[in-house]
Amino acid sequence: MMVCMNTKEKTTNERLAELVKGAGLSQPAALTLFNRGFGIRGIKESTWKGYFCKPDSTRYRGFDPNLLEHAEKVFGPLQHDTTGQK
């Protein structure tokens, strides 16, 4: 019996994009929600946009795993079923 598995783990950037999409938020709305509680230390819009760029883009920025933990807490509860299944 042959079992096929996806061995490619998602990058932190891919997971962030998945969370934002699953929450049904635009990037600006997601950034506002994400930055709550950070005060003036919040992520700047240009940096945030870099997280959603392709890795070969000059604007690309790697999303820190510690920030992903925060994103999971913020956007995780907002997830919708995007598969169309009930």
PDB file of N, CA and C in Angstrom:
ATOM      1  N   MET A   1       0.842  -1.177   0.000  1.00  0.00           N
ATOM      2  CA  MET A   1       0.000   0.000   0.000  1.00  0.00           C
ATOM      3  C   MET A   1       0.889   1.242   0.000  1.00  0.00           C
ATOM      4  N   MET A   2       0.604   2.139  -0.927  1.00  0.00           N
ATOM      5  CA  MET A   2       1.392   3.359  -1.052  1.00  0.00           C
ATOM      6  C   MET A   2       0.618   4.527  -0.423  1.00  0.00           C
ATOM      7  N   VAL A   3       1.301   5.312   0.389  1.00  0.00           N
ATOM      8  CA  VAL A   3       0.694   6.465   1.036  1.00  0.00           C
ATOM      9  C   VAL A   3       1.417   7.706   0.558  1.00  0.00           C
ATOM     10  N   CYS A   4       0.669   8.662   0.076  1.00  0.00           N
ATOM     11  CA  CYS A   4       1.255   9.923  -0.379  1.00  0.00           C
ATOM     12  C   CYS A   4       1.119  10.957   0.730  1.00  0.00           C
ATOM     13  N   MET A   5       2.210  11.641   1.003  1.00  0.00           N
ATOM     14  CA  MET A   5       2.193  12.670   2.030  1.00  0.00           C
ATOM     15  C   MET A   5       2.836  13.936   1.482  1.00  0.00           C
ATOM     16  N   ASN A   6       2.349  15.043   1.959  1.00  0.00           N
ATOM     17  CA  ASN A   6       2.973  16.314   1.626  1.00  0.00           C
ATOM     18  C   ASN A   6       4.048  16.561   2.677  1.00  0.00           C
ATOM     19  N   THR A   7       5.291  16.430   2.296  1.00  0.00           N
ATOM     20  CA  THR A   7       6.383  16.592   3.248  1.00  0.00           C
ATOM     21  C   THR A   7       6.887  18.031   3.316  1.00  0.00           C
ATOM     22  N   LYS A   8       6.357  18.891   2.484  1.00  0.00           N
ATOM     23  CA  LYS A   8       6.787  20.292   2.501  1.00  0.00           C
ATOM     24  C   LYS A   8       6.018  21.040   3.587  1.00  0.00           C
ATOM     25  N   GLU A   9       6.747  21.466   4.592  1.00  0.00           N
ATOM     26  CA  GLU A   9       6.123  22.248   5.640  1.00  0.00           C
ATOM     27  C   GLU A   9       5.934  23.678   5.158  1.00  0.00           C
ATOM     28  N   LYS A  10       4.878  24.304   5.644  1.00  0.00           N
ATOM     29  CA  LYS A  10       4.632  25.705   5.281  1.00  0.00           C
ATOM     30  C   LYS A  10       5.646  26.608   5.967  1.00  0.00           C
ATOM     31  N   THR A  11       6.010  27.676   5.280  1.00  0.00           N
ATOM     32  CA  THR A  11       6.855  28.685   5.901  1.00  0.00           C
ATOM     33  C   THR A  11       5.981  29.533   6.820  1.00  0.00           C
ATOM     34  N   THR A  12       6.619  30.301   7.668  1.00  0.00           N
ATOM     35  CA  THR A  12       5.853  31.184   8.555  1.00  0.00           C
ATOM     36  C   THR A  12       5.082  32.216   7.733  1.00  0.00           C
ATOM     37  N   ASN A  13       5.660  32.660   6.623  1.00  0.00           N
ATOM     38  CA  ASN A  13       4.964  33.613   5.758  1.00  0.00           C
ATOM     39  C   ASN A  13       3.717  32.987   5.143  1.00  0.00           C
ATOM     40  N   GLU A  14       3.837  31.732   4.692  1.00  0.00           N
ATOM     41  CA  GLU A  14       2.687  31.047   4.099  1.00  0.00           C
ATOM     42  C   GLU A  14       1.586  30.849   5.138  1.00  0.00           C
ATOM     43  N   ARG A  15       1.983  30.511   6.351  1.00  0.00           N
ATOM     44  CA  ARG A  15       0.984  30.316   7.418  1.00  0.00           C
ATOM     45  C   ARG A  15       0.303  31.638   7.756  1.00  0.00           C
ATOM     46  N   LEU A  16       1.039  32.737   7.790  1.00  0.00           N
ATOM     47  CA  LEU A  16       0.436  34.044   8.045  1.00  0.00           C
ATOM     48  C   LEU A  16      -0.601  34.358   6.979  1.00  0.00           C
ATOM     49  N   ALA A  17      -0.246  34.173   5.714  1.00  0.00           N
ATOM     50  CA  ALA A  17      -1.183  34.443   4.619  1.00  0.00           C
ATOM     51  C   ALA A  17      -2.431  33.570   4.749  1.00  0.00           C
ATOM     52  N   GLU A  18      -2.243  32.322   5.134  1.00  0.00           N
ATOM     53  CA  GLU A  18      -3.355  31.397   5.314  1.00  0.00           C
ATOM     54  C   GLU A  18      -4.279  31.866   6.449  1.00  0.00           C
ATOM     55  N   LEU A  19      -3.690  32.328   7.538  1.00  0.00           N
ATOM     56  CA  LEU A  19      -4.478  32.818   8.673  1.00  0.00           C
ATOM     57  C   LEU A  19      -5.280  34.056   8.320  1.00  0.00           C
ATOM     58  N   VAL A  20      -4.648  34.991   7.613  1.00  0.00           N
ATOM     59  CA  VAL A  20      -5.333  36.230   7.226  1.00  0.00           C
ATOM     60  C   VAL A  20      -6.476  35.913   6.268  1.00  0.00           C
ATOM     61  N   LYS A  21      -6.217  35.052   5.296  1.00  0.00           N
ATOM     62  CA  LYS A  21      -7.262  34.664   4.346  1.00  0.00           C
ATOM     63  C   LYS A  21      -8.409  33.952   5.057  1.00  0.00           C
ATOM     64  N   GLY A  22      -8.071  33.027   5.930  1.00  0.00           N
ATOM     65  CA  GLY A  22      -9.079  32.268   6.659  1.00  0.00           C
ATOM     66  C   GLY A  22      -9.927  33.128   7.575  1.00  0.00           C
ATOM     67  N   ALA A  23      -9.375  34.241   8.024  1.00  0.00           N
ATOM     68  CA  ALA A  23     -10.114  35.170   8.881  1.00  0.00           C
ATOM     69  C   ALA A  23     -10.996  36.098   8.060  1.00  0.00           C
ATOM     70  N   GLY A  24     -10.803  36.099   6.735  1.00  0.00           N
ATOM     71  CA  GLY A  24     -11.603  36.949   5.866  1.00  0.00           C
ATOM     72  C   GLY A  24     -11.266  38.420   5.986  1.00  0.00           C
ATOM     73  N   LEU A  25     -10.010  38.718   6.291  1.00  0.00           N
ATOM     74  CA  LEU A  25      -9.590  40.104   6.493  1.00  0.00           C
ATOM     75  C   LEU A  25      -8.728  40.601   5.344  1.00  0.00           C
ATOM     76  N   SER A  26      -8.812  41.895   5.081  1.00  0.00           N
ATOM     77  CA  SER A  26      -7.877  42.511   4.143  1.00  0.00           C
ATOM     78  C   SER A  26      -6.535  42.649   4.873  1.00  0.00           C
ATOM     79  N   GLN A  27      -5.475  42.848   4.136  1.00  0.00           N
ATOM     80  CA  GLN A  27      -4.167  43.019   4.773  1.00  0.00           C
ATOM     81  C   GLN A  27      -4.149  44.218   5.722  1.00  0.00           C
ATOM     82  N   PRO A  28      -4.704  45.387   5.339  1.00  0.00           N
ATOM     83  CA  PRO A  28      -4.699  46.516   6.274  1.00  0.00           C
ATOM     84  C   PRO A  28      -5.499  46.232   7.553  1.00  0.00           C
ATOM     85  N   ALA A  29      -6.649  45.581   7.418  1.00  0.00           N
ATOM     86  CA  ALA A  29      -7.456  45.259   8.604  1.00  0.00           C
ATOM     87  C   ALA A  29      -6.722  44.256   9.491  1.00  0.00           C
ATOM     88  N   ALA A  30      -6.071  43.284   8.861  1.00  0.00           N
ATOM     89  CA  ALA A  30      -5.313  42.290   9.618  1.00  0.00           C
ATOM     90  C   ALA A  30      -4.158  42.939  10.362  1.00  0.00           C
ATOM     91  N   LEU A  31      -3.472  43.870   9.728  1.00  0.00           N
ATOM     92  CA  LEU A  31      -2.360  44.565  10.375  1.00  0.00           C
ATOM     93  C   LEU A  31      -2.848  45.341  11.594  1.00  0.00           C
ATOM     94  N   THR A  32      -3.956  46.037  11.453  1.00  0.00           N
ATOM     95  CA  THR A  32      -4.514  46.798  12.573  1.00  0.00           C
ATOM     96  C   THR A  32      -4.812  45.876  13.747  1.00  0.00           C
ATOM     97  N   LEU A  33      -5.452  44.772  13.466  1.00  0.00           N
ATOM     98  CA  LEU A  33      -5.782  43.804  14.506  1.00  0.00           C
ATOM     99  C   LEU A  33      -4.520  43.184  15.107  1.00  0.00           C
ATOM    100  N   PHE A  34      -3.578  42.844  14.267  1.00  0.00           N
ATOM    101  CA  PHE A  34      -2.323  42.242  14.710  1.00  0.00           C
ATOM    102  C   PHE A  34      -1.550  43.187  15.629  1.00  0.00           C
ATOM    103  N   ASN A  35      -1.533  44.478  15.303  1.00  0.00           N
ATOM    104  CA  ASN A  35      -0.738  45.456  16.048  1.00  0.00           C
ATOM    105  C   ASN A  35      -1.359  45.877  17.374  1.00  0.00           C
ATOM    106  N   ARG A  36      -2.602  45.538  17.638  1.00  0.00           N
ATOM    107  CA  ARG A  36      -3.219  45.912  18.916  1.00  0.00           C
ATOM    108  C   ARG A  36      -2.376  45.370  20.058  1.00  0.00           C
ATOM    109  N   GLY A  37      -2.098  46.231  20.995  1.00  0.00           N
ATOM    110  CA  GLY A  37      -1.305  45.815  22.143  1.00  0.00           C
ATOM    111  C   GLY A  37       0.188  46.035  21.974  1.00  0.00           C
ATOM    112  N   PHE A  38       0.643  46.295  20.762  1.00  0.00           N
ATOM    113  CA  PHE A  38       2.062  46.563  20.539  1.00  0.00           C
ATOM    114  C   PHE A  38       2.404  48.033  20.730  1.00  0.00           C
ATOM    115  N   GLY A  39       1.404  48.907  20.723  1.00  0.00           N
ATOM    116  CA  GLY A  39       1.653  50.336  20.863  1.00  0.00           C
ATOM    117  C   GLY A  39       2.473  50.865  19.704  1.00  0.00           C
ATOM    118  N   ILE A  40       3.429  51.724  20.005  1.00  0.00           N
ATOM    119  CA  ILE A  40       4.237  52.328  18.945  1.00  0.00           C
ATOM    120  C   ILE A  40       5.220  51.335  18.343  1.00  0.00           C
ATOM    121  N   ARG A  41       5.384  50.183  18.976  1.00  0.00           N
ATOM    122  CA  ARG A  41       6.308  49.175  18.459  1.00  0.00           C
ATOM    123  C   ARG A  41       5.661  48.285  17.399  1.00  0.00           C
ATOM    124  N   GLY A  42       4.456  48.583  17.002  1.00  0.00           N
ATOM    125  CA  GLY A  42       3.766  47.752  16.018  1.00  0.00           C
ATOM    126  C   GLY A  42       4.511  47.674  14.693  1.00  0.00           C
ATOM    127  N   ILE A  43       4.124  46.689  13.932  1.00  0.00           N
ATOM    128  CA  ILE A  43       4.746  46.473  12.624  1.00  0.00           C
ATOM    129  C   ILE A  43       4.286  47.545  11.645  1.00  0.00           C
ATOM    130  N   LYS A  44       5.211  48.061  10.881  1.00  0.00           N
ATOM    131  CA  LYS A  44       4.900  49.088   9.882  1.00  0.00           C
ATOM    132  C   LYS A  44       4.244  48.435   8.664  1.00  0.00           C
ATOM    133  N   GLU A  45       3.424  49.219   7.963  1.00  0.00           N
ATOM    134  CA  GLU A  45       2.693  48.708   6.803  1.00  0.00           C
ATOM    135  C   GLU A  45       3.622  48.149   5.731  1.00  0.00           C
ATOM    136  N   SER A  46       4.729  48.819   5.467  1.00  0.00           N
ATOM    137  CA  SER A  46       5.648  48.348   4.419  1.00  0.00           C
ATOM    138  C   SER A  46       6.256  46.994   4.790  1.00  0.00           C
ATOM    139  N   THR A  47       6.572  46.804   6.046  1.00  0.00           N
ATOM    140  CA  THR A  47       7.098  45.518   6.508  1.00  0.00           C
ATOM    141  C   THR A  47       6.034  44.442   6.389  1.00  0.00           C
ATOM    142  N   TRP A  48       4.801  44.771   6.825  1.00  0.00           N
ATOM    143  CA  TRP A  48       3.679  43.826   6.750  1.00  0.00           C
ATOM    144  C   TRP A  48       3.460  43.357   5.312  1.00  0.00           C
ATOM    145  N   LYS A  49       3.483  44.286   4.374  1.00  0.00           N
ATOM    146  CA  LYS A  49       3.290  43.919   2.969  1.00  0.00           C
ATOM    147  C   LYS A  49       4.395  42.986   2.494  1.00  0.00           C
ATOM    148  N   GLY A  50       5.599  43.169   3.011  1.00  0.00           N
ATOM    149  CA  GLY A  50       6.722  42.321   2.648  1.00  0.00           C
ATOM    150  C   GLY A  50       6.528  40.871   3.053  1.00  0.00           C
ATOM    151  N   TYR A  51       5.739  40.643   4.091  1.00  0.00           N
ATOM    152  CA  TYR A  51       5.466  39.270   4.535  1.00  0.00           C
ATOM    153  C   TYR A  51       4.615  38.498   3.532  1.00  0.00           C
ATOM    154  N   PHE A  52       3.901  39.208   2.674  1.00  0.00           N
ATOM    155  CA  PHE A  52       3.000  38.578   1.717  1.00  0.00           C
ATOM    156  C   PHE A  52       3.585  38.503   0.298  1.00  0.00           C
ATOM    157  N   CYS A  53       4.819  38.966   0.137  1.00  0.00           N
ATOM    158  CA  CYS A  53       5.481  38.924  -1.167  1.00  0.00           C
ATOM    159  C   CYS A  53       6.109  37.554  -1.412  1.00  0.00           C
ATOM    160  N   LYS A  54       6.369  37.278  -2.665  1.00  0.00           N
ATOM    161  CA  LYS A  54       7.073  36.041  -3.031  1.00  0.00           C
ATOM    162  C   LYS A  54       8.523  36.149  -2.543  1.00  0.00           C
ATOM    163  N   PRO A  55       9.099  35.013  -2.136  1.00  0.00           N
ATOM    164  CA  PRO A  55      10.470  35.034  -1.597  1.00  0.00           C
ATOM    165  C   PRO A  55      11.523  35.625  -2.518  1.00  0.00           C
ATOM    166  N   ASP A  56      11.308  35.586  -3.829  1.00  0.00           N
ATOM    167  CA  ASP A  56      12.312  36.147  -4.739  1.00  0.00           C
ATOM    168  C   ASP A  56      12.117  37.646  -4.981  1.00  0.00           C
ATOM    169  N   SER A  57      11.133  38.233  -4.334  1.00  0.00           N
ATOM    170  CA  SER A  57      10.878  39.668  -4.465  1.00  0.00           C
ATOM    171  C   SER A  57      11.829  40.459  -3.569  1.00  0.00           C
ATOM    172  N   THR A  58      12.213  41.646  -4.009  1.00  0.00           N
ATOM    173  CA  THR A  58      13.080  42.491  -3.184  1.00  0.00           C
ATOM    174  C   THR A  58      12.328  43.022  -1.959  1.00  0.00           C
ATOM    175  N   ARG A  59      10.993  43.017  -2.008  1.00  0.00           N
ATOM    176  CA  ARG A  59      10.191  43.490  -0.868  1.00  0.00           C
ATOM    177  C   ARG A  59       9.961  42.404   0.180  1.00  0.00           C
ATOM    178  N   TYR A  60      10.277  41.164  -0.147  1.00  0.00           N
ATOM    179  CA  TYR A  60      10.009  40.031   0.741  1.00  0.00           C
ATOM    180  C   TYR A  60      10.692  40.211   2.092  1.00  0.00           C
ATOM    181  N   ARG A  61       9.964  39.888   3.148  1.00  0.00           N
ATOM    182  CA  ARG A  61      10.501  39.882   4.506  1.00  0.00           C
ATOM    183  C   ARG A  61      10.090  38.573   5.159  1.00  0.00           C
ATOM    184  N   GLY A  62      11.013  37.910   5.812  1.00  0.00           N
ATOM    185  CA  GLY A  62      10.699  36.678   6.526  1.00  0.00           C
ATOM    186  C   GLY A  62       9.906  36.987   7.787  1.00  0.00           C
ATOM    187  N   PHE A  63       8.869  36.205   8.032  1.00  0.00           N
ATOM    188  CA  PHE A  63       8.003  36.404   9.196  1.00  0.00           C
ATOM    189  C   PHE A  63       8.556  35.595  10.361  1.00  0.00           C
ATOM    190  N   ASP A  64       8.911  36.269  11.418  1.00  0.00           N
ATOM    191  CA  ASP A  64       9.529  35.666  12.591  1.00  0.00           C
ATOM    192  C   ASP A  64       8.590  34.645  13.260  1.00  0.00           C
ATOM    193  N   PRO A  65       9.101  33.479  13.631  1.00  0.00           N
ATOM    194  CA  PRO A  65       8.265  32.472  14.288  1.00  0.00           C
ATOM    195  C   PRO A  65       7.583  32.970  15.569  1.00  0.00           C
ATOM    196  N   ASN A  66       8.241  33.881  16.304  1.00  0.00           N
ATOM    197  CA  ASN A  66       7.614  34.437  17.506  1.00  0.00           C
ATOM    198  C   ASN A  66       6.393  35.280  17.139  1.00  0.00           C
ATOM    199  N   LEU A  67       6.479  35.983  16.015  1.00  0.00           N
ATOM    200  CA  LEU A  67       5.339  36.764  15.559  1.00  0.00           C
ATOM    201  C   LEU A  67       4.221  35.841  15.067  1.00  0.00           C
ATOM    202  N   LEU A  68       4.596  34.687  14.510  1.00  0.00           N
ATOM    203  CA  LEU A  68       3.587  33.736  14.060  1.00  0.00           C
ATOM    204  C   LEU A  68       2.760  33.241  15.242  1.00  0.00           C
ATOM    205  N   GLU A  69       3.392  33.043  16.382  1.00  0.00           N
ATOM    206  CA  GLU A  69       2.651  32.635  17.587  1.00  0.00           C
ATOM    207  C   GLU A  69       1.574  33.666  17.915  1.00  0.00           C
ATOM    208  N   HIS A  70       1.930  34.943  17.815  1.00  0.00           N
ATOM    209  CA  HIS A  70       0.969  36.016  18.067  1.00  0.00           C
ATOM    210  C   HIS A  70      -0.135  35.993  17.009  1.00  0.00           C
ATOM    211  N   ALA A  71       0.236  35.794  15.759  1.00  0.00           N
ATOM    212  CA  ALA A  71      -0.747  35.743  14.671  1.00  0.00           C
ATOM    213  C   ALA A  71      -1.731  34.598  14.873  1.00  0.00           C
ATOM    214  N   GLU A  72      -1.235  33.449  15.330  1.00  0.00           N
ATOM    215  CA  GLU A  72      -2.116  32.301  15.596  1.00  0.00           C
ATOM    216  C   GLU A  72      -3.145  32.664  16.670  1.00  0.00           C
ATOM    217  N   LYS A  73      -2.718  33.378  17.696  1.00  0.00           N
ATOM    218  CA  LYS A  73      -3.631  33.782  18.780  1.00  0.00           C
ATOM    219  C   LYS A  73      -4.662  34.800  18.291  1.00  0.00           C
ATOM    220  N   VAL A  74      -4.210  35.732  17.446  1.00  0.00           N
ATOM    221  CA  VAL A  74      -5.094  36.798  16.967  1.00  0.00           C
ATOM    222  C   VAL A  74      -6.066  36.291  15.909  1.00  0.00           C
ATOM    223  N   PHE A  75      -5.550  35.593  14.894  1.00  0.00           N
ATOM    224  CA  PHE A  75      -6.371  35.199  13.752  1.00  0.00           C
ATOM    225  C   PHE A  75      -6.961  33.795  13.846  1.00  0.00           C
ATOM    226  N   GLY A  76      -6.360  32.948  14.667  1.00  0.00           N
ATOM    227  CA  GLY A  76      -6.846  31.582  14.811  1.00  0.00           C
ATOM    228  C   GLY A  76      -8.327  31.478  15.127  1.00  0.00           C
ATOM    229  N   PRO A  77      -8.815  32.229  16.129  1.00  0.00           N
ATOM    230  CA  PRO A  77     -10.237  32.145  16.468  1.00  0.00           C
ATOM    231  C   PRO A  77     -11.177  32.690  15.380  1.00  0.00           C
ATOM    232  N   LEU A  78     -10.641  33.401  14.411  1.00  0.00           N
ATOM    233  CA  LEU A  78     -11.456  34.022  13.359  1.00  0.00           C
ATOM    234  C   LEU A  78     -11.555  33.171  12.107  1.00  0.00           C
ATOM    235  N   GLN A  79     -10.972  31.991  12.122  1.00  0.00           N
ATOM    236  CA  GLN A  79     -10.900  31.158  10.917  1.00  0.00           C
ATOM    237  C   GLN A  79     -12.272  30.681  10.462  1.00  0.00           C
ATOM    238  N   HIS A  80     -12.477  30.739   9.155  1.00  0.00           N
ATOM    239  CA  HIS A  80     -13.672  30.222   8.506  1.00  0.00           C
ATOM    240  C   HIS A  80     -13.282  28.992   7.710  1.00  0.00           C
ATOM    241  N   ASP A  81     -14.235  28.130   7.447  1.00  0.00           N
ATOM    242  CA  ASP A  81     -13.966  26.954   6.629  1.00  0.00           C
ATOM    243  C   ASP A  81     -13.871  27.418   5.169  1.00  0.00           C
ATOM    244  N   THR A  82     -12.673  27.374   4.607  1.00  0.00           N
ATOM    245  CA  THR A  82     -12.471  27.844   3.237  1.00  0.00           C
ATOM    246  C   THR A  82     -12.532  26.695   2.230  1.00  0.00           C
ATOM    247  N   THR A  83     -12.846  25.472   2.714  1.00  0.00           N
ATOM    248  CA  THR A  83     -12.894  24.326   1.810  1.00  0.00           C
ATOM    249  C   THR A  83     -14.262  24.144   1.166  1.00  0.00           C
ATOM    250  N   GLY A  84     -15.262  24.825   1.720  1.00  0.00           N
ATOM    251  CA  GLY A  84     -16.623  24.679   1.199  1.00  0.00           C
ATOM    252  C   GLY A  84     -17.334  23.467   1.757  1.00  0.00           C
ATOM    253  N   GLN A  85     -16.661  22.741   2.659  1.00  0.00           N
ATOM    254  CA  GLN A  85     -17.282  21.581   3.285  1.00  0.00           C
ATOM    255  C   GLN A  85     -18.006  21.982   4.552  1.00  0.00           C
ATOM    256  N   LYS A  86     -19.011  21.204   4.904  1.00  0.00           N
ATOM    257  CA  LYS A  86     -19.755  21.481   6.129  1.00  0.00           C
ATOM    258  C   LYS A  86     -19.394  20.501   7.199  1.00  0.00           C
TER     259      LYS A  86
END
